[in-house]
PDB file of N, CA and C in Angstrom:
ATOM      1  N   UNK A   1      48.411  95.730 302.183  1.00  0.00           N
ATOM      2  CA  UNK A   1      49.477  95.101 302.913  1.00  0.00           C
ATOM      3  C   UNK A   1      50.252  96.141 302.008  1.00  0.00           C
ATOM      4  N   UNK A   2      51.834  96.255 302.800  1.00  0.00           N
ATOM      5  CA  UNK A   2      52.935  97.368 302.078  1.00  0.00           C
ATOM      6  C   UNK A   2      52.958  96.750 301.015  1.00  0.00           C
ATOM      7  N   UNK A   3      53.917  97.505 300.235  1.00  0.00           N
ATOM      8  CA  UNK A   3      54.079  97.872 299.233  1.00  0.00           C
ATOM      9  C   UNK A   3      55.537  96.833 299.022  1.00  0.00           C
ATOM     10  N   UNK A   4      56.135  96.137 298.124  1.00  0.00           N
ATOM     11  CA  UNK A   4      57.187  95.154 298.422  1.00  0.00           C
ATOM     12  C   UNK A   4      58.191  96.052 297.755  1.00  0.00           C
ATOM     13  N   UNK A   5      59.452  96.276 298.877  1.00  0.00           N
ATOM     14  CA  UNK A   5      60.845  96.907 298.362  1.00  0.00           C
ATOM     15  C   UNK A   5      61.353  96.358 296.902  1.00  0.00           C
ATOM     16  N   UNK A   6      61.887  97.184 295.698  1.00  0.00           N
ATOM     17  CA  UNK A   6      62.470  95.898 295.179  1.00  0.00           C
ATOM     18  C   UNK A   6      63.582  95.475 295.614  1.00  0.00           C
ATOM     19  N   UNK A   7      64.360  96.383 296.691  1.00  0.00           N
ATOM     20  CA  UNK A   7      65.874  96.328 297.022  1.00  0.00           C
ATOM     21  C   UNK A   7      65.095  94.873 298.012  1.00  0.00           C
ATOM     22  N   UNK A   8      64.283  94.683 298.695  1.00  0.00           N
ATOM     23  CA  UNK A   8      64.469  93.176 299.630  1.00  0.00           C
ATOM     24  C   UNK A   8      64.451  91.693 298.150  1.00  0.00           C
ATOM     25  N   UNK A   9      63.182  92.242 297.030  1.00  0.00           N
ATOM     26  CA  UNK A   9      63.576  91.446 296.418  1.00  0.00           C
ATOM     27  C   UNK A   9      65.213  90.918 295.578  1.00  0.00           C
ATOM     28  N   UNK A  10      65.341  91.862 295.461  1.00  0.00           N
ATOM     29  CA  UNK A  10      66.877  92.238 294.886  1.00  0.00           C
ATOM     30  C   UNK A  10      67.612  91.163 296.040  1.00  0.00           C
ATOM     31  N   UNK A  11      68.076  91.441 297.149  1.00  0.00           N
ATOM     32  CA  UNK A  11      68.492  90.835 298.119  1.00  0.00           C
ATOM     33  C   UNK A  11      68.285  89.312 298.250  1.00  0.00           C
ATOM     34  N   UNK A  12      67.231  89.193 298.319  1.00  0.00           N
ATOM     35  CA  UNK A  12      66.410  88.015 298.352  1.00  0.00           C
ATOM     36  C   UNK A  12      67.017  87.114 297.034  1.00  0.00           C
ATOM     37  N   UNK A  13      66.495  87.456 295.530  1.00  0.00           N
ATOM     38  CA  UNK A  13      66.957  86.649 294.646  1.00  0.00           C
ATOM     39  C   UNK A  13      68.282  86.702 294.447  1.00  0.00           C
ATOM     40  N   UNK A  14      69.362  87.576 295.174  1.00  0.00           N
ATOM     41  CA  UNK A  14      70.627  87.209 295.200  1.00  0.00           C
ATOM     42  C   UNK A  14      71.255  85.895 296.100  1.00  0.00           C
ATOM     43  N   UNK A  15      70.266  86.399 297.100  1.00  0.00           N
ATOM     44  CA  UNK A  15      70.844  85.035 298.352  1.00  0.00           C
ATOM     45  C   UNK A  15      70.207  83.779 297.853  1.00  0.00           C
ATOM     46  N   UNK A  16      69.173  83.590 296.963  1.00  0.00           N
ATOM     47  CA  UNK A  16      68.612  82.104 296.880  1.00  0.00           C
ATOM     48  C   UNK A  16      70.062  82.173 295.550  1.00  0.00           C
ATOM     49  N   UNK A  17      70.254  82.928 294.406  1.00  0.00           N
ATOM     50  CA  UNK A  17      71.121  82.531 293.575  1.00  0.00           C
ATOM     51  C   UNK A  17      72.193  81.915 293.975  1.00  0.00           C
ATOM     52  N   UNK A  18      73.328  82.275 294.878  1.00  0.00           N
ATOM     53  CA  UNK A  18      74.383  82.483 295.748  1.00  0.00           C
ATOM     54  C   UNK A  18      73.725  81.270 296.347  1.00  0.00           C
ATOM     55  N   UNK A  19      73.083  80.645 297.120  1.00  0.00           N
ATOM     56  CA  UNK A  19      72.999  79.402 297.246  1.00  0.00           C
ATOM     57  C   UNK A  19      73.112  78.140 296.520  1.00  0.00           C
ATOM     58  N   UNK A  20      72.228  78.429 295.504  1.00  0.00           N
ATOM     59  CA  UNK A  20      72.048  77.343 294.225  1.00  0.00           C
ATOM     60  C   UNK A  20      73.557  77.388 294.071  1.00  0.00           C
ATOM     61  N   UNK A  21      74.337  78.290 293.985  1.00  0.00           N
ATOM     62  CA  UNK A  21      75.552  78.356 292.935  1.00  0.00           C
ATOM     63  C   UNK A  21      76.797  77.855 293.908  1.00  0.00           C
ATOM     64  N   UNK A  22      76.388  77.187 295.425  1.00  0.00           N
ATOM     65  CA  UNK A  22      77.138  77.204 296.180  1.00  0.00           C
ATOM     66  C   UNK A  22      78.570  78.154 296.803  1.00  0.00           C
ATOM     67  N   UNK A  23      78.174  79.521 296.475  1.00  0.00           N
ATOM     68  CA  UNK A  23      78.852  80.608 296.675  1.00  0.00           C
ATOM     69  C   UNK A  23      78.430  80.734 297.713  1.00  0.00           C
ATOM     70  N   UNK A  24      79.233  80.746 298.855  1.00  0.00           N
ATOM     71  CA  UNK A  24      78.554  80.903 300.519  1.00  0.00           C
ATOM     72  C   UNK A  24      79.505  82.387 300.431  1.00  0.00           C
ATOM     73  N   UNK A  25      80.668  82.834 300.312  1.00  0.00           N
ATOM     74  CA  UNK A  25      80.638  83.890 300.339  1.00  0.00           C
ATOM     75  C   UNK A  25      80.047  85.227 299.737  1.00  0.00           C
ATOM     76  N   UNK A  26      79.372  85.453 298.344  1.00  0.00           N
ATOM     77  CA  UNK A  26      78.162  85.754 298.176  1.00  0.00           C
ATOM     78  C   UNK A  26      77.127  86.436 299.096  1.00  0.00           C
ATOM     79  N   UNK A  27      76.702  84.666 299.545  1.00  0.00           N
ATOM     80  CA  UNK A  27      75.463  84.697 300.560  1.00  0.00           C
ATOM     81  C   UNK A  27      75.613  85.733 301.691  1.00  0.00           C
ATOM     82  N   UNK A  28      76.896  84.587 302.344  1.00  0.00           N
ATOM     83  CA  UNK A  28      77.342  85.693 303.415  1.00  0.00           C
ATOM     84  C   UNK A  28      77.268  87.399 303.471  1.00  0.00           C
ATOM     85  N   UNK A  29      77.823  87.655 302.206  1.00  0.00           N
ATOM     86  CA  UNK A  29      77.534  88.912 302.360  1.00  0.00           C
ATOM     87  C   UNK A  29      76.287  90.208 301.955  1.00  0.00           C
ATOM     88  N   UNK A  30      75.151  89.009 302.151  1.00  0.00           N
ATOM     89  CA  UNK A  30      73.800  89.640 302.267  1.00  0.00           C
ATOM     90  C   UNK A  30      73.503  89.749 303.462  1.00  0.00           C
ATOM     91  N   UNK A  31      73.963  89.326 304.327  1.00  0.00           N
ATOM     92  CA  UNK A  31      73.470  89.091 305.740  1.00  0.00           C
ATOM     93  C   UNK A  31      73.925  89.536 306.545  1.00  0.00           C
ATOM     94  N   UNK A  32      73.275  90.245 307.619  1.00  0.00           N
ATOM     95  CA  UNK A  32      73.985  90.675 308.858  1.00  0.00           C
ATOM     96  C   UNK A  32      74.796  89.978 309.776  1.00  0.00           C
ATOM     97  N   UNK A  33      75.935  89.853 310.443  1.00  0.00           N
ATOM     98  CA  UNK A  33      76.832  89.731 311.335  1.00  0.00           C
ATOM     99  C   UNK A  33      76.046  89.262 312.605  1.00  0.00           C
ATOM    100  N   UNK A  34      74.571  89.156 312.289  1.00  0.00           N
ATOM    101  CA  UNK A  34      74.313  88.586 313.721  1.00  0.00           C
ATOM    102  C   UNK A  34      72.892  87.858 313.106  1.00  0.00           C
ATOM    103  N   UNK A  35      73.295  87.152 311.961  1.00  0.00           N
ATOM    104  CA  UNK A  35      71.888  86.756 311.496  1.00  0.00           C
ATOM    105  C   UNK A  35      71.587  85.470 311.647  1.00  0.00           C
ATOM    106  N   UNK A  36      70.435  84.977 311.896  1.00  0.00           N
ATOM    107  CA  UNK A  36      69.606  84.057 312.664  1.00  0.00           C
ATOM    108  C   UNK A  36      69.268  82.863 311.676  1.00  0.00           C
ATOM    109  N   UNK A  37      69.857  81.663 311.537  1.00  0.00           N
ATOM    110  CA  UNK A  37      69.280  80.805 310.095  1.00  0.00           C
ATOM    111  C   UNK A  37      68.836  79.521 310.347  1.00  0.00           C
ATOM    112  N   UNK A  38      68.047  78.912 310.197  1.00  0.00           N
ATOM    113  CA  UNK A  38      67.260  77.799 310.451  1.00  0.00           C
ATOM    114  C   UNK A  38      68.350  76.588 309.939  1.00  0.00           C
ATOM    115  N   UNK A  39      68.468  75.563 310.927  1.00  0.00           N
ATOM    116  CA  UNK A  39      69.257  74.565 310.484  1.00  0.00           C
ATOM    117  C   UNK A  39      68.300  73.336 309.673  1.00  0.00           C
ATOM    118  N   UNK A  40      67.175  73.757 308.686  1.00  0.00           N
ATOM    119  CA  UNK A  40      66.167  72.778 308.944  1.00  0.00           C
ATOM    120  C   UNK A  40      66.207  71.978 308.345  1.00  0.00           C
ATOM    121  N   UNK A  41      67.509  71.375 307.885  1.00  0.00           N
ATOM    122  CA  UNK A  41      68.214  70.053 307.710  1.00  0.00           C
ATOM    123  C   UNK A  41      68.019  69.192 308.507  1.00  0.00           C
ATOM    124  N   UNK A  42      68.465  69.503 310.186  1.00  0.00           N
ATOM    125  CA  UNK A  42      69.101  69.064 311.375  1.00  0.00           C
ATOM    126  C   UNK A  42      68.348  69.742 312.345  1.00  0.00           C
ATOM    127  N   UNK A  43      67.482  70.952 312.092  1.00  0.00           N
ATOM    128  CA  UNK A  43      66.793  71.262 313.156  1.00  0.00           C
ATOM    129  C   UNK A  43      67.579  71.974 313.620  1.00  0.00           C
ATOM    130  N   UNK A  44      66.753  73.407 314.489  1.00  0.00           N
ATOM    131  CA  UNK A  44      67.628  74.211 315.572  1.00  0.00           C
ATOM    132  C   UNK A  44      67.746  75.672 314.477  1.00  0.00           C
ATOM    133  N   UNK A  45      68.923  76.199 315.157  1.00  0.00           N
ATOM    134  CA  UNK A  45      69.093  77.307 314.271  1.00  0.00           C
ATOM    135  C   UNK A  45      70.471  77.290 314.401  1.00  0.00           C
ATOM    136  N   UNK A  46      71.266  78.810 313.568  1.00  0.00           N
ATOM    137  CA  UNK A  46      72.694  78.274 313.788  1.00  0.00           C
ATOM    138  C   UNK A  46      72.685  80.410 314.111  1.00  0.00           C
ATOM    139  N   UNK A  47      73.519  80.913 314.334  1.00  0.00           N
ATOM    140  CA  UNK A  47      73.657  82.347 314.253  1.00  0.00           C
ATOM    141  C   UNK A  47      75.100  82.999 313.820  1.00  0.00           C
ATOM    142  N   UNK A  48      74.746  84.298 313.112  1.00  0.00           N
ATOM    143  CA  UNK A  48      76.106  84.821 312.584  1.00  0.00           C
ATOM    144  C   UNK A  48      76.684  84.073 311.427  1.00  0.00           C
ATOM    145  N   UNK A  49      77.976  84.716 310.838  1.00  0.00           N
ATOM    146  CA  UNK A  49      78.270  84.113 309.318  1.00  0.00           C
ATOM    147  C   UNK A  49      78.982  82.536 309.169  1.00  0.00           C
ATOM    148  N   UNK A  50      79.618  82.379 310.378  1.00  0.00           N
ATOM    149  CA  UNK A  50      80.712  81.522 310.705  1.00  0.00           C
ATOM    150  C   UNK A  50      79.444  80.393 310.763  1.00  0.00           C
ATOM    151  N   UNK A  51      78.818  80.332 311.600  1.00  0.00           N
ATOM    152  CA  UNK A  51      78.131  79.473 311.949  1.00  0.00           C
ATOM    153  C   UNK A  51      77.487  78.589 310.768  1.00  0.00           C
ATOM    154  N   UNK A  52      76.635  79.652 310.051  1.00  0.00           N
ATOM    155  CA  UNK A  52      75.651  79.723 308.439  1.00  0.00           C
ATOM    156  C   UNK A  52      76.348  79.147 307.629  1.00  0.00           C
ATOM    157  N   UNK A  53      78.432  78.931 307.589  1.00  0.00           N
ATOM    158  CA  UNK A  53      78.864  78.841 306.666  1.00  0.00           C
ATOM    159  C   UNK A  53      78.984  77.140 306.808  1.00  0.00           C
ATOM    160  N   UNK A  54      79.604  76.843 308.205  1.00  0.00           N
ATOM    161  CA  UNK A  54      79.693  75.108 308.550  1.00  0.00           C
ATOM    162  C   UNK A  54      78.278  74.807 308.154  1.00  0.00           C
ATOM    163  N   UNK A  55      77.298  75.214 308.821  1.00  0.00           N
ATOM    164  CA  UNK A  55      75.923  74.162 308.612  1.00  0.00           C
ATOM    165  C   UNK A  55      75.991  74.389 306.794  1.00  0.00           C
ATOM    166  N   UNK A  56      75.967  75.324 305.924  1.00  0.00           N
ATOM    167  CA  UNK A  56      75.807  74.931 304.830  1.00  0.00           C
ATOM    168  C   UNK A  56      76.977  74.354 304.066  1.00  0.00           C
ATOM    169  N   UNK A  57      77.978  73.744 304.709  1.00  0.00           N
ATOM    170  CA  UNK A  57      78.874  72.851 304.437  1.00  0.00           C
ATOM    171  C   UNK A  57      78.733  71.590 304.641  1.00  0.00           C
ATOM    172  N   UNK A  58      78.479  71.583 305.867  1.00  0.00           N
ATOM    173  CA  UNK A  58      77.449  70.135 306.828  1.00  0.00           C
ATOM    174  C   UNK A  58      76.267  69.686 305.475  1.00  0.00           C
ATOM    175  N   UNK A  59      75.691  70.341 305.210  1.00  0.00           N
ATOM    176  CA  UNK A  59      74.264  70.582 304.539  1.00  0.00           C
ATOM    177  C   UNK A  59      75.080  69.970 303.316  1.00  0.00           C
ATOM    178  N   UNK A  60      75.911  70.668 302.510  1.00  0.00           N
ATOM    179  CA  UNK A  60      76.081  70.290 301.152  1.00  0.00           C
ATOM    180  C   UNK A  60      77.052  68.911 300.847  1.00  0.00           C
ATOM    181  N   UNK A  61      77.678  68.308 301.979  1.00  0.00           N
ATOM    182  CA  UNK A  61      78.273  67.450 302.216  1.00  0.00           C
ATOM    183  C   UNK A  61      77.276  66.400 301.913  1.00  0.00           C
ATOM    184  N   UNK A  62      76.273  66.249 302.443  1.00  0.00           N
ATOM    185  CA  UNK A  62      75.646  65.459 302.474  1.00  0.00           C
ATOM    186  C   UNK A  62      73.934  65.409 301.449  1.00  0.00           C
ATOM    187  N   UNK A  63      73.416  66.598 301.065  1.00  0.00           N
ATOM    188  CA  UNK A  63      72.109  66.154 300.187  1.00  0.00           C
ATOM    189  C   UNK A  63      72.369  67.492 299.406  1.00  0.00           C
ATOM    190  N   UNK A  64      71.702  67.399 298.441  1.00  0.00           N
ATOM    191  CA  UNK A  64      72.503  68.444 297.370  1.00  0.00           C
ATOM    192  C   UNK A  64      70.673  68.926 297.238  1.00  0.00           C
ATOM    193  N   UNK A  65      70.808  70.377 297.863  1.00  0.00           N
ATOM    194  CA  UNK A  65      69.323  70.986 297.833  1.00  0.00           C
ATOM    195  C   UNK A  65      69.439  72.112 296.766  1.00  0.00           C
ATOM    196  N   UNK A  66      68.248  72.159 295.893  1.00  0.00           N
ATOM    197  CA  UNK A  66      68.179  73.501 295.340  1.00  0.00           C
ATOM    198  C   UNK A  66      67.032  73.992 295.463  1.00  0.00           C
ATOM    199  N   UNK A  67      67.072  75.464 295.718  1.00  0.00           N
ATOM    200  CA  UNK A  67      65.537  76.438 295.790  1.00  0.00           C
ATOM    201  C   UNK A  67      65.214  77.314 295.517  1.00  0.00           C
ATOM    202  N   UNK A  68      64.394  77.699 294.809  1.00  0.00           N
ATOM    203  CA  UNK A  68      64.026  78.443 293.412  1.00  0.00           C
ATOM    204  C   UNK A  68      62.352  79.703 293.870  1.00  0.00           C
ATOM    205  N   UNK A  69      63.074  80.587 294.490  1.00  0.00           N
ATOM    206  CA  UNK A  69      61.958  81.733 294.727  1.00  0.00           C
ATOM    207  C   UNK A  69      61.152  81.677 293.819  1.00  0.00           C
ATOM    208  N   UNK A  70      59.218  81.436 293.769  1.00  0.00           N
ATOM    209  CA  UNK A  70      58.275  81.588 292.994  1.00  0.00           C
ATOM    210  C   UNK A  70      57.624  82.881 292.907  1.00  0.00           C
ATOM    211  N   UNK A  71      57.266  83.187 294.517  1.00  0.00           N
ATOM    212  CA  UNK A  71      56.980  84.441 294.623  1.00  0.00           C
ATOM    213  C   UNK A  71      56.772  85.440 295.832  1.00  0.00           C
ATOM    214  N   UNK A  72      57.092  86.458 296.066  1.00  0.00           N
ATOM    215  CA  UNK A  72      57.860  86.720 296.910  1.00  0.00           C
ATOM    216  C   UNK A  72      56.171  88.321 297.940  1.00  0.00           C
ATOM    217  N   UNK A  73      55.989  87.472 299.439  1.00  0.00           N
ATOM    218  CA  UNK A  73      54.434  88.626 299.459  1.00  0.00           C
ATOM    219  C   UNK A  73      55.230  88.722 301.080  1.00  0.00           C
ATOM    220  N   UNK A  74      55.470  90.650 300.546  1.00  0.00           N
ATOM    221  CA  UNK A  74      55.416  91.115 302.085  1.00  0.00           C
ATOM    222  C   UNK A  74      54.235  91.214 303.226  1.00  0.00           C
ATOM    223  N   UNK A  75      54.609  90.914 304.013  1.00  0.00           N
ATOM    224  CA  UNK A  75      53.784  90.891 305.186  1.00  0.00           C
ATOM    225  C   UNK A  75      53.567  92.041 306.380  1.00  0.00           C
ATOM    226  N   UNK A  76      52.188  92.369 307.077  1.00  0.00           N
ATOM    227  CA  UNK A  76      52.149  93.654 307.585  1.00  0.00           C
ATOM    228  C   UNK A  76      53.290  93.927 308.743  1.00  0.00           C
ATOM    229  N   UNK A  77      54.088  92.686 308.805  1.00  0.00           N
ATOM    230  CA  UNK A  77      54.917  93.211 309.757  1.00  0.00           C
ATOM    231  C   UNK A  77      56.455  93.879 309.265  1.00  0.00           C
ATOM    232  N   UNK A  78      56.293  93.376 308.110  1.00  0.00           N
ATOM    233  CA  UNK A  78      57.520  94.121 306.879  1.00  0.00           C
ATOM    234  C   UNK A  78      58.326  92.817 306.295  1.00  0.00           C
ATOM    235  N   UNK A  79      58.246  91.370 307.309  1.00  0.00           N
ATOM    236  CA  UNK A  79      59.084  90.218 307.062  1.00  0.00           C
ATOM    237  C   UNK A  79      58.575  89.816 305.488  1.00  0.00           C
ATOM    238  N   UNK A  80      59.191  89.665 305.046  1.00  0.00           N
ATOM    239  CA  UNK A  80      59.058  88.817 303.611  1.00  0.00           C
ATOM    240  C   UNK A  80      58.953  87.274 303.225  1.00  0.00           C
ATOM    241  N   UNK A  81      56.977  87.352 302.860  1.00  0.00           N
ATOM    242  CA  UNK A  81      57.496  85.205 303.047  1.00  0.00           C
ATOM    243  C   UNK A  81      57.624  85.066 301.283  1.00  0.00           C
ATOM    244  N   UNK A  82      58.477  84.013 301.261  1.00  0.00           N
ATOM    245  CA  UNK A  82      58.765  84.151 299.795  1.00  0.00           C
ATOM    246  C   UNK A  82      58.229  82.146 299.934  1.00  0.00           C
ATOM    247  N   UNK A  83      57.582  82.143 298.776  1.00  0.00           N
ATOM    248  CA  UNK A  83      56.972  80.555 298.068  1.00  0.00           C
ATOM    249  C   UNK A  83      58.155  79.960 297.578  1.00  0.00           C
ATOM    250  N   UNK A  84      58.860  79.031 297.264  1.00  0.00           N
ATOM    251  CA  UNK A  84      60.017  78.644 297.581  1.00  0.00           C
ATOM    252  C   UNK A  84      59.555  76.867 296.775  1.00  0.00           C
ATOM    253  N   UNK A  85      60.286  76.539 295.551  1.00  0.00           N
ATOM    254  CA  UNK A  85      60.373  75.269 294.763  1.00  0.00           C
ATOM    255  C   UNK A  85      61.150  74.677 295.310  1.00  0.00           C
ATOM    256  N   UNK A  86      61.368  74.030 296.226  1.00  0.00           N
ATOM    257  CA  UNK A  86      62.600  73.213 296.728  1.00  0.00           C
ATOM    258  C   UNK A  86      62.698  71.914 296.368  1.00  0.00           C
ATOM    259  N   UNK A  87      63.818  71.656 295.488  1.00  0.00           N
ATOM    260  CA  UNK A  87      64.535  70.199 294.830  1.00  0.00           C
ATOM    261  C   UNK A  87      65.182  69.576 295.845  1.00  0.00           C
ATOM    262  N   UNK A  88      65.348  68.324 296.655  1.00  0.00           N
ATOM    263  CA  UNK A  88      66.612  68.092 297.458  1.00  0.00           C
ATOM    264  C   UNK A  88      66.725  66.770 296.702  1.00  0.00           C
ATOM    265  N   UNK A  89      67.965  66.375 296.561  1.00  0.00           N
ATOM    266  CA  UNK A  89      68.896  65.008 295.875  1.00  0.00           C
ATOM    267  C   UNK A  89      69.558  64.622 296.803  1.00  0.00           C
ATOM    268  N   UNK A  90      69.674  62.896 297.136  1.00  0.00           N
ATOM    269  CA  UNK A  90      71.023  62.787 297.543  1.00  0.00           C
ATOM    270  C   UNK A  90      72.438  62.815 296.882  1.00  0.00           C
ATOM    271  N   UNK A  91      73.619  63.249 297.004  1.00  0.00           N
ATOM    272  CA  UNK A  91      74.934  63.080 296.411  1.00  0.00           C
ATOM    273  C   UNK A  91      74.995  62.075 295.568  1.00  0.00           C
ATOM    274  N   UNK A  92      74.051  61.019 295.071  1.00  0.00           N
ATOM    275  CA  UNK A  92      74.260  60.908 294.063  1.00  0.00           C
ATOM    276  C   UNK A  92      73.050  60.652 292.677  1.00  0.00           C
ATOM    277  N   UNK A  93      72.151  61.441 293.500  1.00  0.00           N
ATOM    278  CA  UNK A  93      71.176  62.175 292.230  1.00  0.00           C
ATOM    279  C   UNK A  93      69.998  61.497 292.796  1.00  0.00           C
ATOM    280  N   UNK A  94      69.561  60.852 293.352  1.00  0.00           N
ATOM    281  CA  UNK A  94      68.070  60.349 293.786  1.00  0.00           C
ATOM    282  C   UNK A  94      67.289  61.285 294.298  1.00  0.00           C
ATOM    283  N   UNK A  95      66.485  61.546 294.099  1.00  0.00           N
ATOM    284  CA  UNK A  95      64.962  62.463 294.387  1.00  0.00           C
ATOM    285  C   UNK A  95      64.661  62.033 295.785  1.00  0.00           C
ATOM    286  N   UNK A  96      65.260  63.602 296.754  1.00  0.00           N
ATOM    287  CA  UNK A  96      64.653  62.888 298.180  1.00  0.00           C
ATOM    288  C   UNK A  96      63.219  63.521 298.320  1.00  0.00           C
ATOM    289  N   UNK A  97      63.349  65.115 297.784  1.00  0.00           N
ATOM    290  CA  UNK A  97      62.014  65.925 298.119  1.00  0.00           C
ATOM    291  C   UNK A  97      61.688  66.644 296.743  1.00  0.00           C
ATOM    292  N   UNK A  98      60.564  67.021 296.196  1.00  0.00           N
ATOM    293  CA  UNK A  98      60.430  67.841 295.203  1.00  0.00           C
ATOM    294  C   UNK A  98      58.983  68.972 295.937  1.00  0.00           C
ATOM    295  N   UNK A  99      58.599  69.521 296.219  1.00  0.00           N
ATOM    296  CA  UNK A  99      57.811  70.663 296.967  1.00  0.00           C
ATOM    297  C   UNK A  99      58.195  72.208 296.890  1.00  0.00           C
ATOM    298  N   UNK A 100      56.820  72.642 297.097  1.00  0.00           N
ATOM    299  CA  UNK A 100      57.070  73.810 297.617  1.00  0.00           C
ATOM    300  C   UNK A 100      56.781  74.095 299.412  1.00  0.00           C
ATOM    301  N   UNK A 101      57.591  75.251 299.094  1.00  0.00           N
ATOM    302  CA  UNK A 101      57.908  75.306 300.952  1.00  0.00           C
ATOM    303  C   UNK A 101      57.767  77.010 301.108  1.00  0.00           C
ATOM    304  N   UNK A 102      57.397  77.866 302.126  1.00  0.00           N
ATOM    305  CA  UNK A 102      57.740  79.083 302.596  1.00  0.00           C
ATOM    306  C   UNK A 102      58.832  79.184 303.546  1.00  0.00           C
ATOM    307  N   UNK A 103      59.521  80.084 303.296  1.00  0.00           N
ATOM    308  CA  UNK A 103      60.897  80.950 303.860  1.00  0.00           C
ATOM    309  C   UNK A 103      60.256  82.356 304.383  1.00  0.00           C
ATOM    310  N   UNK A 104      60.400  82.563 305.465  1.00  0.00           N
ATOM    311  CA  UNK A 104      60.255  83.847 306.157  1.00  0.00           C
ATOM    312  C   UNK A 104      61.237  84.203 306.157  1.00  0.00           C
ATOM    313  N   UNK A 105      61.949  85.968 306.164  1.00  0.00           N
ATOM    314  CA  UNK A 105      62.665  86.628 305.889  1.00  0.00           C
ATOM    315  C   UNK A 105      62.692  87.904 306.679  1.00  0.00           C
ATOM    316  N   UNK A 106      63.246  88.557 307.663  1.00  0.00           N
ATOM    317  CA  UNK A 106      63.685  89.385 308.203  1.00  0.00           C
ATOM    318  C   UNK A 106      64.949  90.540 307.375  1.00  0.00           C
ATOM    319  N   UNK A 107      64.548  90.915 306.894  1.00  0.00           N
ATOM    320  CA  UNK A 107      65.548  92.187 306.426  1.00  0.00           C
ATOM    321  C   UNK A 107      65.847  93.233 306.941  1.00  0.00           C
ATOM    322  N   UNK A 108      66.749  94.063 306.874  1.00  0.00           N
ATOM    323  CA  UNK A 108      67.102  95.049 308.207  1.00  0.00           C
ATOM    324  C   UNK A 108      68.354  95.996 307.168  1.00  0.00           C
ATOM    325  N   UNK A 109      68.272  97.326 306.704  1.00  0.00           N
ATOM    326  CA  UNK A 109      69.099  98.250 306.408  1.00  0.00           C
ATOM    327  C   UNK A 109      69.615  97.022 305.231  1.00  0.00           C
ATOM    328  N   UNK A 110      68.828  96.463 304.351  1.00  0.00           N
ATOM    329  CA  UNK A 110      69.501  96.075 302.992  1.00  0.00           C
ATOM    330  C   UNK A 110      69.480  94.624 303.104  1.00  0.00           C
ATOM    331  N   UNK A 111      69.824  93.995 304.287  1.00  0.00           N
ATOM    332  CA  UNK A 111      70.877  93.143 304.564  1.00  0.00           C
ATOM    333  C   UNK A 111      70.200  91.487 305.141  1.00  0.00           C
ATOM    334  N   UNK A 112      69.428  90.191 305.319  1.00  0.00           N
ATOM    335  CA  UNK A 112      69.195  89.285 305.633  1.00  0.00           C
ATOM    336  C   UNK A 112      69.493  89.094 307.381  1.00  0.00           C
ATOM    337  N   UNK A 113      68.144  89.763 308.054  1.00  0.00           N
ATOM    338  CA  UNK A 113      68.803  89.632 309.132  1.00  0.00           C
ATOM    339  C   UNK A 113      68.148  88.105 309.963  1.00  0.00           C
ATOM    340  N   UNK A 114      67.483  87.524 309.371  1.00  0.00           N
ATOM    341  CA  UNK A 114      66.814  86.298 309.719  1.00  0.00           C
ATOM    342  C   UNK A 114      66.103  85.357 308.967  1.00  0.00           C
ATOM    343  N   UNK A 115      66.686  84.151 308.902  1.00  0.00           N
ATOM    344  CA  UNK A 115      65.079  83.380 307.943  1.00  0.00           C
ATOM    345  C   UNK A 115      64.919  82.028 308.688  1.00  0.00           C
ATOM    346  N   UNK A 116      63.549  82.126 308.472  1.00  0.00           N
ATOM    347  CA  UNK A 116      62.405  80.982 308.872  1.00  0.00           C
ATOM    348  C   UNK A 116      61.899  80.002 308.194  1.00  0.00           C
ATOM    349  N   UNK A 117      61.615  78.656 308.338  1.00  0.00           N
ATOM    350  CA  UNK A 117      61.025  78.022 307.726  1.00  0.00           C
ATOM    351  C   UNK A 117      59.468  78.161 308.512  1.00  0.00           C
ATOM    352  N   UNK A 118      58.132  78.625 307.399  1.00  0.00           N
ATOM    353  CA  UNK A 118      57.019  78.994 307.409  1.00  0.00           C
ATOM    354  C   UNK A 118      55.958  78.067 307.120  1.00  0.00           C
ATOM    355  N   UNK A 119      55.125  77.751 307.683  1.00  0.00           N
ATOM    356  CA  UNK A 119      54.260  77.037 306.599  1.00  0.00           C
ATOM    357  C   UNK A 119      53.601  78.369 305.683  1.00  0.00           C
ATOM    358  N   UNK A 120      53.499  77.264 304.483  1.00  0.00           N
ATOM    359  CA  UNK A 120      52.978  77.621 303.296  1.00  0.00           C
ATOM    360  C   UNK A 120      51.346  77.740 304.026  1.00  0.00           C
ATOM    361  N   UNK A 121      51.267  79.669 303.396  1.00  0.00           N
ATOM    362  CA  UNK A 121      49.933  79.847 303.583  1.00  0.00           C
ATOM    363  C   UNK A 121      48.639  79.173 302.599  1.00  0.00           C
ATOM    364  N   UNK A 122      47.498  78.840 303.203  1.00  0.00           N
ATOM    365  CA  UNK A 122      46.568  78.016 302.304  1.00  0.00           C
ATOM    366  C   UNK A 122      46.276  78.649 301.366  1.00  0.00           C
ATOM    367  N   UNK A 123      46.083  80.205 300.956  1.00  0.00           N
ATOM    368  CA  UNK A 123      46.035  80.747 299.828  1.00  0.00           C
ATOM    369  C   UNK A 123      46.799  80.617 298.651  1.00  0.00           C
ATOM    370  N   UNK A 124      48.016  79.848 299.150  1.00  0.00           N
ATOM    371  CA  UNK A 124      49.545  79.803 298.070  1.00  0.00           C
ATOM    372  C   UNK A 124      49.288  78.749 297.762  1.00  0.00           C
ATOM    373  N   UNK A 125      48.727  77.143 298.443  1.00  0.00           N
ATOM    374  CA  UNK A 125      49.050  76.159 298.152  1.00  0.00           C
ATOM    375  C   UNK A 125      48.360  75.799 296.837  1.00  0.00           C
ATOM    376  N   UNK A 126      48.840  74.877 296.536  1.00  0.00           N
ATOM    377  CA  UNK A 126      48.211  74.388 295.176  1.00  0.00           C
ATOM    378  C   UNK A 126      47.990  72.876 295.203  1.00  0.00           C
ATOM    379  N   UNK A 127      46.910  72.273 295.235  1.00  0.00           N
ATOM    380  CA  UNK A 127      46.849  70.575 294.719  1.00  0.00           C
ATOM    381  C   UNK A 127      47.454  69.792 294.127  1.00  0.00           C
TER     382      UNK A 127
END
């Protein structure tokens, strides 16, 4: 398996931190102008920073998600699979989800080009 570049980890850690802090500008600065992002809460995808901004703004008006990266795994194609502890609350603080999920990132020239929600590999699942 290829070596995981520290710069990829740094970019992804910074993106998760910005998302959790609700700092859209800082997160978008880590993405390419043609970034593709999943609408995990609604289904489908958005493309480009303006659409990501609109999606996140809508999402945060309905739920309060927090995603903490647990582990990073570089795949043979250069994508990075991130094991993530995800906690989602409704706006009144009621727990909606508390689970481990996987996000697959394509990073190009030090910026996030694409993200997708991926199945958590069996080897990474805990009982």
